[in-house]
Amino acid sequence: MPEPLSISVLGAGVVGLHVAVRLQTDFPAARVTIIAAGQGAQTTSIGAAGIFRPGVFNAATPTLTRF
């Protein structure tokens, strides 16, 4: 019998946790490990780095496209 799939997810923010849950759902026999430096004021998830912004994005502005 083959060994179970072993998956590591880097980051325990909103995106990392979602990916880990989705992987565990899609591959129930897999071993999913979340690796994170920590949680708190020095991490990006404390400020919603994923930038969840409901609404419609109509056009790129010069400020958005210069990067």
PDB file of N, CA and C in Angstrom:
ATOM      1  N   MET A   1       0.852  -1.179   0.000  1.00  0.00           N
ATOM      2  CA  MET A   1       0.000   0.000   0.000  1.00  0.00           C
ATOM      3  C   MET A   1       0.899   1.243   0.000  1.00  0.00           C
ATOM      4  N   PRO A   2       0.622   2.229  -0.875  1.00  0.00           N
ATOM      5  CA  PRO A   2       1.465   3.426  -0.931  1.00  0.00           C
ATOM      6  C   PRO A   2       1.280   4.306   0.308  1.00  0.00           C
ATOM      7  N   GLU A   3       2.327   5.065   0.609  1.00  0.00           N
ATOM      8  CA  GLU A   3       2.250   5.993   1.734  1.00  0.00           C
ATOM      9  C   GLU A   3       1.262   7.104   1.415  1.00  0.00           C
ATOM     10  N   PRO A   4       0.595   7.657   2.448  1.00  0.00           N
ATOM     11  CA  PRO A   4      -0.341   8.758   2.180  1.00  0.00           C
ATOM     12  C   PRO A   4       0.406   9.993   1.671  1.00  0.00           C
ATOM     13  N   LEU A   5      -0.271  10.776   0.886  1.00  0.00           N
ATOM     14  CA  LEU A   5       0.271  12.024   0.360  1.00  0.00           C
ATOM     15  C   LEU A   5       0.590  12.953   1.520  1.00  0.00           C
ATOM     16  N   SER A   6       1.754  13.595   1.478  1.00  0.00           N
ATOM     17  CA  SER A   6       2.168  14.526   2.527  1.00  0.00           C
ATOM     18  C   SER A   6       2.319  15.905   1.892  1.00  0.00           C
ATOM     19  N   ILE A   7       1.559  16.880   2.387  1.00  0.00           N
ATOM     20  CA  ILE A   7       1.526  18.217   1.801  1.00  0.00           C
ATOM     21  C   ILE A   7       1.843  19.248   2.873  1.00  0.00           C
ATOM     22  N   SER A   8       2.692  20.216   2.534  1.00  0.00           N
ATOM     23  CA  SER A   8       2.980  21.331   3.436  1.00  0.00           C
ATOM     24  C   SER A   8       2.428  22.612   2.841  1.00  0.00           C
ATOM     25  N   VAL A   9       1.775  23.407   3.668  1.00  0.00           N
ATOM     26  CA  VAL A   9       1.248  24.708   3.252  1.00  0.00           C
ATOM     27  C   VAL A   9       2.034  25.768   4.012  1.00  0.00           C
ATOM     28  N   LEU A  10       2.617  26.709   3.274  1.00  0.00           N
ATOM     29  CA  LEU A  10       3.379  27.779   3.907  1.00  0.00           C
ATOM     30  C   LEU A  10       2.461  28.956   4.197  1.00  0.00           C
ATOM     31  N   GLY A  11       2.309  29.287   5.464  1.00  0.00           N
ATOM     32  CA  GLY A  11       1.484  30.424   5.857  1.00  0.00           C
ATOM     33  C   GLY A  11       0.197  29.988   6.517  1.00  0.00           C
ATOM     34  N   ALA A  12      -0.135  30.654   7.614  1.00  0.00           N
ATOM     35  CA  ALA A  12      -1.352  30.333   8.353  1.00  0.00           C
ATOM     36  C   ALA A  12      -2.317  31.508   8.360  1.00  0.00           C
ATOM     37  N   GLY A  13      -2.232  32.319   7.318  1.00  0.00           N
ATOM     38  CA  GLY A  13      -3.183  33.414   7.176  1.00  0.00           C
ATOM     39  C   GLY A  13      -4.465  32.906   6.536  1.00  0.00           C
ATOM     40  N   VAL A  14      -5.272  33.808   6.095  1.00  0.00           N
ATOM     41  CA  VAL A  14      -6.559  33.454   5.498  1.00  0.00           C
ATOM     42  C   VAL A  14      -6.360  32.540   4.295  1.00  0.00           C
ATOM     43  N   VAL A  15      -5.443  32.878   3.418  1.00  0.00           N
ATOM     44  CA  VAL A  15      -5.219  32.082   2.211  1.00  0.00           C
ATOM     45  C   VAL A  15      -4.613  30.724   2.562  1.00  0.00           C
ATOM     46  N   GLY A  16      -3.585  30.704   3.414  1.00  0.00           N
ATOM     47  CA  GLY A  16      -2.954  29.444   3.789  1.00  0.00           C
ATOM     48  C   GLY A  16      -3.916  28.476   4.451  1.00  0.00           C
ATOM     49  N   LEU A  17      -4.728  28.981   5.359  1.00  0.00           N
ATOM     50  CA  LEU A  17      -5.696  28.110   6.031  1.00  0.00           C
ATOM     51  C   LEU A  17      -6.755  27.602   5.063  1.00  0.00           C
ATOM     52  N   HIS A  18      -7.198  28.456   4.154  1.00  0.00           N
ATOM     53  CA  HIS A  18      -8.183  28.019   3.159  1.00  0.00           C
ATOM     54  C   HIS A  18      -7.605  26.918   2.283  1.00  0.00           C
ATOM     55  N   VAL A  19      -6.364  27.109   1.839  1.00  0.00           N
ATOM     56  CA  VAL A  19      -5.715  26.098   1.001  1.00  0.00           C
ATOM     57  C   VAL A  19      -5.586  24.780   1.768  1.00  0.00           C
ATOM     58  N   ALA A  20      -5.188  24.842   3.030  1.00  0.00           N
ATOM     59  CA  ALA A  20      -5.030  23.626   3.824  1.00  0.00           C
ATOM     60  C   ALA A  20      -6.358  22.883   3.992  1.00  0.00           C
ATOM     61  N   VAL A  21      -7.411  23.615   4.284  1.00  0.00           N
ATOM     62  CA  VAL A  21      -8.733  22.989   4.441  1.00  0.00           C
ATOM     63  C   VAL A  21      -9.186  22.380   3.119  1.00  0.00           C
ATOM     64  N   ARG A  22      -8.992  23.113   2.037  1.00  0.00           N
ATOM     65  CA  ARG A  22      -9.407  22.602   0.715  1.00  0.00           C
ATOM     66  C   ARG A  22      -8.631  21.347   0.340  1.00  0.00           C
ATOM     67  N   LEU A  23      -7.326  21.344   0.594  1.00  0.00           N
ATOM     68  CA  LEU A  23      -6.519  20.155   0.302  1.00  0.00           C
ATOM     69  C   LEU A  23      -6.981  18.964   1.129  1.00  0.00           C
ATOM     70  N   GLN A  24      -7.259  19.189   2.414  1.00  0.00           N
ATOM     71  CA  GLN A  24      -7.714  18.104   3.271  1.00  0.00           C
ATOM     72  C   GLN A  24      -9.070  17.583   2.817  1.00  0.00           C
ATOM     73  N   THR A  25      -9.926  18.477   2.308  1.00  0.00           N
ATOM     74  CA  THR A  25     -11.229  18.071   1.787  1.00  0.00           C
ATOM     75  C   THR A  25     -11.077  17.256   0.507  1.00  0.00           C
ATOM     76  N   ASP A  26     -10.206  17.729  -0.392  1.00  0.00           N
ATOM     77  CA  ASP A  26     -10.015  17.055  -1.682  1.00  0.00           C
ATOM     78  C   ASP A  26      -9.211  15.764  -1.559  1.00  0.00           C
ATOM     79  N   PHE A  27      -8.318  15.702  -0.573  1.00  0.00           N
ATOM     80  CA  PHE A  27      -7.463  14.532  -0.367  1.00  0.00           C
ATOM     81  C   PHE A  27      -7.550  14.098   1.103  1.00  0.00           C
ATOM     82  N   PRO A  28      -8.648  13.452   1.496  1.00  0.00           N
ATOM     83  CA  PRO A  28      -8.870  13.146   2.910  1.00  0.00           C
ATOM     84  C   PRO A  28      -7.807  12.242   3.540  1.00  0.00           C
ATOM     85  N   ALA A  29      -7.120  11.441   2.758  1.00  0.00           N
ATOM     86  CA  ALA A  29      -6.092  10.562   3.318  1.00  0.00           C
ATOM     87  C   ALA A  29      -4.746  11.268   3.454  1.00  0.00           C
ATOM     88  N   ALA A  30      -4.636  12.477   2.929  1.00  0.00           N
ATOM     89  CA  ALA A  30      -3.362  13.203   2.945  1.00  0.00           C
ATOM     90  C   ALA A  30      -3.046  13.743   4.328  1.00  0.00           C
ATOM     91  N   ARG A  31      -1.745  13.906   4.578  1.00  0.00           N
ATOM     92  CA  ARG A  31      -1.271  14.578   5.791  1.00  0.00           C
ATOM     93  C   ARG A  31      -0.957  16.015   5.400  1.00  0.00           C
ATOM     94  N   VAL A  32      -1.734  16.959   5.884  1.00  0.00           N
ATOM     95  CA  VAL A  32      -1.538  18.372   5.556  1.00  0.00           C
ATOM     96  C   VAL A  32      -0.923  19.070   6.773  1.00  0.00           C
ATOM     97  N   THR A  33       0.224  19.691   6.557  1.00  0.00           N
ATOM     98  CA  THR A  33       0.933  20.400   7.617  1.00  0.00           C
ATOM     99  C   THR A  33       0.990  21.876   7.267  1.00  0.00           C
ATOM    100  N   ILE A  34       0.637  22.729   8.211  1.00  0.00           N
ATOM    101  CA  ILE A  34       0.704  24.180   8.011  1.00  0.00           C
ATOM    102  C   ILE A  34       1.971  24.683   8.697  1.00  0.00           C
ATOM    103  N   ILE A  35       2.791  25.408   7.938  1.00  0.00           N
ATOM    104  CA  ILE A  35       4.036  25.968   8.460  1.00  0.00           C
ATOM    105  C   ILE A  35       3.895  27.481   8.469  1.00  0.00           C
ATOM    106  N   ALA A  36       4.069  28.092   9.641  1.00  0.00           N
ATOM    107  CA  ALA A  36       3.935  29.541   9.760  1.00  0.00           C
ATOM    108  C   ALA A  36       4.941  30.082  10.756  1.00  0.00           C
ATOM    109  N   ALA A  37       5.384  31.293  10.513  1.00  0.00           N
ATOM    110  CA  ALA A  37       6.337  31.943  11.412  1.00  0.00           C
ATOM    111  C   ALA A  37       5.674  32.352  12.717  1.00  0.00           C
ATOM    112  N   GLY A  38       4.387  32.541  12.702  1.00  0.00           N
ATOM    113  CA  GLY A  38       3.672  32.941  13.906  1.00  0.00           C
ATOM    114  C   GLY A  38       2.474  33.789  13.544  1.00  0.00           C
ATOM    115  N   GLN A  39       1.734  34.158  14.535  1.00  0.00           N
ATOM    116  CA  GLN A  39       0.570  35.008  14.351  1.00  0.00           C
ATOM    117  C   GLN A  39       0.694  36.184  15.305  1.00  0.00           C
ATOM    118  N   GLY A  40       0.232  37.317  14.876  1.00  0.00           N
ATOM    119  CA  GLY A  40       0.281  38.487  15.743  1.00  0.00           C
ATOM    120  C   GLY A  40       0.449  39.757  14.940  1.00  0.00           C
ATOM    121  N   ALA A  41       0.792  40.807  15.610  1.00  0.00           N
ATOM    122  CA  ALA A  41       0.861  42.125  14.980  1.00  0.00           C
ATOM    123  C   ALA A  41       1.945  42.235  13.917  1.00  0.00           C
ATOM    124  N   GLN A  42       2.944  41.362  13.933  1.00  0.00           N
ATOM    125  CA  GLN A  42       4.019  41.432  12.950  1.00  0.00           C
ATOM    126  C   GLN A  42       3.745  40.584  11.707  1.00  0.00           C
ATOM    127  N   THR A  43       2.582  39.982  11.588  1.00  0.00           N
ATOM    128  CA  THR A  43       2.274  39.148  10.427  1.00  0.00           C
ATOM    129  C   THR A  43       1.332  39.883   9.493  1.00  0.00           C
ATOM    130  N   THR A  44       1.332  39.468   8.240  1.00  0.00           N
ATOM    131  CA  THR A  44       0.502  40.163   7.252  1.00  0.00           C
ATOM    132  C   THR A  44      -0.984  39.911   7.437  1.00  0.00           C
ATOM    133  N   SER A  45      -1.374  38.758   7.952  1.00  0.00           N
ATOM    134  CA  SER A  45      -2.805  38.477   8.083  1.00  0.00           C
ATOM    135  C   SER A  45      -3.492  39.377   9.095  1.00  0.00           C
ATOM    136  N   ILE A  46      -2.729  39.942  10.002  1.00  0.00           N
ATOM    137  CA  ILE A  46      -3.343  40.855  10.969  1.00  0.00           C
ATOM    138  C   ILE A  46      -3.926  42.071  10.252  1.00  0.00           C
ATOM    139  N   GLY A  47      -3.386  42.403   9.080  1.00  0.00           N
ATOM    140  CA  GLY A  47      -3.874  43.537   8.295  1.00  0.00           C
ATOM    141  C   GLY A  47      -4.589  43.122   7.022  1.00  0.00           C
ATOM    142  N   ALA A  48      -5.042  41.875   6.947  1.00  0.00           N
ATOM    143  CA  ALA A  48      -5.750  41.359   5.775  1.00  0.00           C
ATOM    144  C   ALA A  48      -4.944  41.557   4.503  1.00  0.00           C
ATOM    145  N   ALA A  49      -3.781  40.951   4.448  1.00  0.00           N
ATOM    146  CA  ALA A  49      -2.898  41.101   3.291  1.00  0.00           C
ATOM    147  C   ALA A  49      -3.521  40.550   2.022  1.00  0.00           C
ATOM    148  N   GLY A  50      -4.489  39.650   2.148  1.00  0.00           N
ATOM    149  CA  GLY A  50      -5.165  39.130   0.966  1.00  0.00           C
ATOM    150  C   GLY A  50      -6.060  40.167   0.314  1.00  0.00           C
ATOM    151  N   ILE A  51      -6.313  41.248   0.982  1.00  0.00           N
ATOM    152  CA  ILE A  51      -7.140  42.367   0.529  1.00  0.00           C
ATOM    153  C   ILE A  51      -8.471  41.868  -0.021  1.00  0.00           C
ATOM    154  N   PHE A  52      -9.339  41.490   0.887  1.00  0.00           N
ATOM    155  CA  PHE A  52     -10.687  41.088   0.508  1.00  0.00           C
ATOM    156  C   PHE A  52     -11.528  42.349   0.396  1.00  0.00           C
ATOM    157  N   ARG A  53     -11.925  42.673  -0.816  1.00  0.00           N
ATOM    158  CA  ARG A  53     -12.672  43.895  -1.046  1.00  0.00           C
ATOM    159  C   ARG A  53     -13.870  43.575  -1.920  1.00  0.00           C
ATOM    160  N   PRO A  54     -15.055  43.455  -1.332  1.00  0.00           N
ATOM    161  CA  PRO A  54     -16.223  43.170  -2.152  1.00  0.00           C
ATOM    162  C   PRO A  54     -16.523  44.340  -3.072  1.00  0.00           C
ATOM    163  N   GLY A  55     -17.004  44.029  -4.235  1.00  0.00           N
ATOM    164  CA  GLY A  55     -17.354  45.066  -5.188  1.00  0.00           C
ATOM    165  C   GLY A  55     -16.844  44.715  -6.575  1.00  0.00           C
ATOM    166  N   VAL A  56     -16.961  45.671  -7.463  1.00  0.00           N
ATOM    167  CA  VAL A  56     -16.569  45.477  -8.857  1.00  0.00           C
ATOM    168  C   VAL A  56     -15.389  46.387  -9.158  1.00  0.00           C
ATOM    169  N   PHE A  57     -14.385  45.814  -9.797  1.00  0.00           N
ATOM    170  CA  PHE A  57     -13.211  46.574 -10.196  1.00  0.00           C
ATOM    171  C   PHE A  57     -13.407  46.955 -11.659  1.00  0.00           C
ATOM    172  N   ASN A  58     -13.643  48.242 -11.914  1.00  0.00           N
ATOM    173  CA  ASN A  58     -13.989  48.680 -13.267  1.00  0.00           C
ATOM    174  C   ASN A  58     -12.802  49.068 -14.132  1.00  0.00           C
ATOM    175  N   ALA A  59     -11.810  49.691 -13.588  1.00  0.00           N
ATOM    176  CA  ALA A  59     -10.705  50.164 -14.418  1.00  0.00           C
ATOM    177  C   ALA A  59      -9.435  50.295 -13.594  1.00  0.00           C
ATOM    178  N   ALA A  60      -8.323  50.080 -14.266  1.00  0.00           N
ATOM    179  CA  ALA A  60      -7.026  50.257 -13.616  1.00  0.00           C
ATOM    180  C   ALA A  60      -6.670  51.739 -13.615  1.00  0.00           C
ATOM    181  N   THR A  61      -6.283  52.233 -12.469  1.00  0.00           N
ATOM    182  CA  THR A  61      -5.867  53.632 -12.355  1.00  0.00           C
ATOM    183  C   THR A  61      -4.349  53.712 -12.501  1.00  0.00           C
ATOM    184  N   PRO A  62      -3.801  54.888 -12.801  1.00  0.00           N
ATOM    185  CA  PRO A  62      -2.351  55.007 -12.898  1.00  0.00           C
ATOM    186  C   PRO A  62      -1.630  54.579 -11.604  1.00  0.00           C
ATOM    187  N   THR A  63      -2.268  54.826 -10.459  1.00  0.00           N
ATOM    188  CA  THR A  63      -1.658  54.420  -9.196  1.00  0.00           C
ATOM    189  C   THR A  63      -1.544  52.894  -9.101  1.00  0.00           C
ATOM    190  N   LEU A  64      -2.565  52.170  -9.542  1.00  0.00           N
ATOM    191  CA  LEU A  64      -2.551  50.718  -9.477  1.00  0.00           C
ATOM    192  C   LEU A  64      -1.614  50.113 -10.503  1.00  0.00           C
ATOM    193  N   THR A  65      -1.476  50.700 -11.649  1.00  0.00           N
ATOM    194  CA  THR A  65      -0.694  50.092 -12.730  1.00  0.00           C
ATOM    195  C   THR A  65       0.784  50.472 -12.708  1.00  0.00           C
ATOM    196  N   ARG A  66       1.191  51.419 -11.894  1.00  0.00           N
ATOM    197  CA  ARG A  66       2.592  51.813 -11.899  1.00  0.00           C
ATOM    198  C   ARG A  66       3.491  50.782 -11.252  1.00  0.00           C
ATOM    199  N   PHE A  67       2.946  49.847 -10.488  1.00  0.00           N
ATOM    200  CA  PHE A  67       3.761  48.833  -9.835  1.00  0.00           C
ATOM    201  C   PHE A  67       3.827  47.650 -10.705  1.00  0.00           C
TER     202      PHE A  67
END
